[in-house]
């Protein structure tokens, strides 16, 4: 379980290491293992902050956005509905892992209770 975290350079070797604030939606999609359509949807419903736009009006993302999307994908894989995921992500930029671990069982419990037979 203790895997070394991959660096941005390892995940996107063609991109210069200094350019961490300016990832395209395609690069972010590959890094987070989500589709670009899903990323745009999460942005539209407020689960992901609106992306900055480059001079060409393309969305530009940072490493914090990638981390948030990876966390959201993992939360969804556990079966947590988007509404409950929203509360888990509310303080994700400042939250410590222990805080998310404490809240996660409650959120997944609500998901299981709402699933029904």
Protein backbone atom coordinates (compact mmCIF):
# COMPACT_ATOMS: atom_id res chain seq x y z
CA UNK A 1 0.00 0.00 0.00
CA UNK A 2 2.94 2.32 0.59
CA UNK A 3 3.66 3.13 -3.03
CA UNK A 4 5.88 6.03 -3.85
CA UNK A 5 3.87 8.84 -5.38
CA UNK A 6 4.60 9.47 -9.01
CA UNK A 7 5.82 12.89 -9.95
CA UNK A 8 4.21 15.05 -12.60
CA UNK A 9 7.27 14.43 -14.79
CA UNK A 10 6.70 10.66 -14.65
CA UNK A 11 3.00 11.01 -15.47
CA UNK A 12 3.54 13.43 -18.32
CA UNK A 13 7.13 13.04 -19.56
CA UNK A 14 6.68 15.25 -22.62
CA UNK A 15 5.78 18.28 -20.48
CA UNK A 16 8.51 20.43 -18.92
CA UNK A 17 8.59 19.89 -15.16
CA UNK A 18 8.23 23.61 -14.33
CA UNK A 19 4.87 23.86 -16.11
CA UNK A 20 2.52 22.34 -13.51
CA UNK A 21 -0.20 24.99 -13.83
CA UNK A 22 -1.34 24.56 -17.37
CA UNK A 23 -2.29 20.98 -17.97
CA UNK A 24 -4.82 20.42 -20.74
CA UNK A 25 -8.03 18.54 -20.12
CA UNK A 26 -6.64 15.58 -22.08
CA UNK A 27 -3.53 15.42 -19.90
CA UNK A 28 -5.63 15.67 -16.74
CA UNK A 29 -8.01 12.99 -18.03
CA UNK A 30 -5.12 10.58 -18.57
CA UNK A 31 -3.56 11.35 -15.19
CA UNK A 32 -6.85 10.97 -13.28
CA UNK A 33 -8.12 8.01 -15.36
CA UNK A 34 -11.34 9.86 -16.24
CA UNK A 35 -12.83 11.05 -19.50
CA UNK A 36 -12.68 14.69 -20.53
CA UNK A 37 -16.49 14.65 -20.63
CA UNK A 38 -16.61 13.54 -16.98
CA UNK A 39 -14.18 16.28 -15.98
CA UNK A 40 -16.34 18.92 -17.71
CA UNK A 41 -19.44 17.48 -15.99
CA UNK A 42 -17.79 17.62 -12.55
CA UNK A 43 -16.83 21.21 -13.25
CA UNK A 44 -20.38 22.06 -14.39
CA UNK A 45 -21.97 20.68 -11.20
CA UNK A 46 -19.40 22.29 -8.93
CA UNK A 47 -17.38 19.27 -7.79
CA UNK A 48 -14.31 20.70 -9.51
CA UNK A 49 -13.54 24.43 -9.42
CA UNK A 50 -13.86 26.22 -12.75
CA UNK A 51 -10.62 25.90 -14.65
CA UNK A 52 -8.55 28.88 -15.65
CA UNK A 53 -8.49 29.55 -19.37
CA UNK A 54 -5.43 30.01 -21.52
CA UNK A 55 -5.06 32.63 -24.25
CA UNK A 56 -6.64 30.11 -26.64
CA UNK A 57 -9.64 29.77 -24.22
CA UNK A 58 -8.76 26.12 -23.47
CA UNK A 59 -9.16 24.96 -19.90
CA UNK A 60 -5.88 24.86 -17.95
CA UNK A 61 -5.59 22.73 -14.83
CA UNK A 62 -3.06 22.40 -12.04
CA UNK A 63 -1.78 19.47 -10.05
CA UNK A 64 -4.29 20.22 -7.26
CA UNK A 65 -7.11 19.64 -9.77
CA UNK A 66 -5.59 16.29 -10.75
CA UNK A 67 -5.36 15.23 -7.11
CA UNK A 68 -8.97 16.30 -6.48
CA UNK A 69 -10.18 14.30 -9.48
CA UNK A 70 -8.23 11.21 -8.39
CA UNK A 71 -9.78 11.49 -4.92
CA UNK A 72 -13.25 11.93 -6.45
CA UNK A 73 -12.77 8.91 -8.73
CA UNK A 74 -11.74 6.77 -5.75
CA UNK A 75 -14.70 7.98 -3.70
CA UNK A 76 -17.03 7.10 -6.58
CA UNK A 77 -15.43 3.64 -6.92
CA UNK A 78 -16.49 3.00 -3.32
CA UNK A 79 -20.10 3.60 -4.36
CA UNK A 80 -20.51 6.99 -2.72
CA UNK A 81 -23.12 9.10 -4.57
CA UNK A 82 -22.12 12.51 -5.95
CA UNK A 83 -24.10 14.39 -3.29
CA UNK A 84 -22.20 12.63 -0.50
CA UNK A 85 -18.93 13.00 -2.41
CA UNK A 86 -19.52 16.75 -2.45
CA UNK A 87 -19.37 16.88 1.35
CA UNK A 88 -16.20 14.78 1.38
CA UNK A 89 -14.59 17.14 -1.14
CA UNK A 90 -15.75 20.32 0.60
CA UNK A 91 -12.45 20.81 2.37
CA UNK A 92 -10.33 18.45 0.27
CA UNK A 93 -7.66 21.02 -0.40
CA UNK A 94 -7.11 21.51 3.33
CA UNK A 95 -8.34 18.15 4.63
CA UNK A 96 -5.96 15.61 6.04
CA UNK A 97 -6.34 11.96 5.08
CA UNK A 98 -7.46 11.06 8.61
CA UNK A 99 -10.39 13.50 8.33
CA UNK A 100 -11.53 12.01 5.03
CA UNK A 101 -11.14 8.49 6.44
CA UNK A 102 -13.39 9.46 9.35
CA UNK A 103 -16.12 10.89 7.12
CA UNK A 104 -15.94 8.20 4.40
CA UNK A 105 -17.68 5.39 6.34
CA UNK A 106 -20.57 7.73 7.10
CA UNK A 107 -20.90 8.72 3.44
CA UNK A 108 -20.65 5.15 2.17
CA UNK A 109 -23.16 4.09 4.85
CA UNK A 110 -25.63 6.61 3.48
CA UNK A 111 -24.98 5.22 0.00
CA UNK A 112 -25.65 1.64 1.16
CA UNK A 113 -28.79 2.68 3.06
CA UNK A 114 -30.16 4.45 -0.01
CA UNK A 115 -29.41 1.56 -2.38
CA UNK A 116 -32.21 -0.69 -1.13
CA UNK A 117 -32.98 -4.19 -2.42
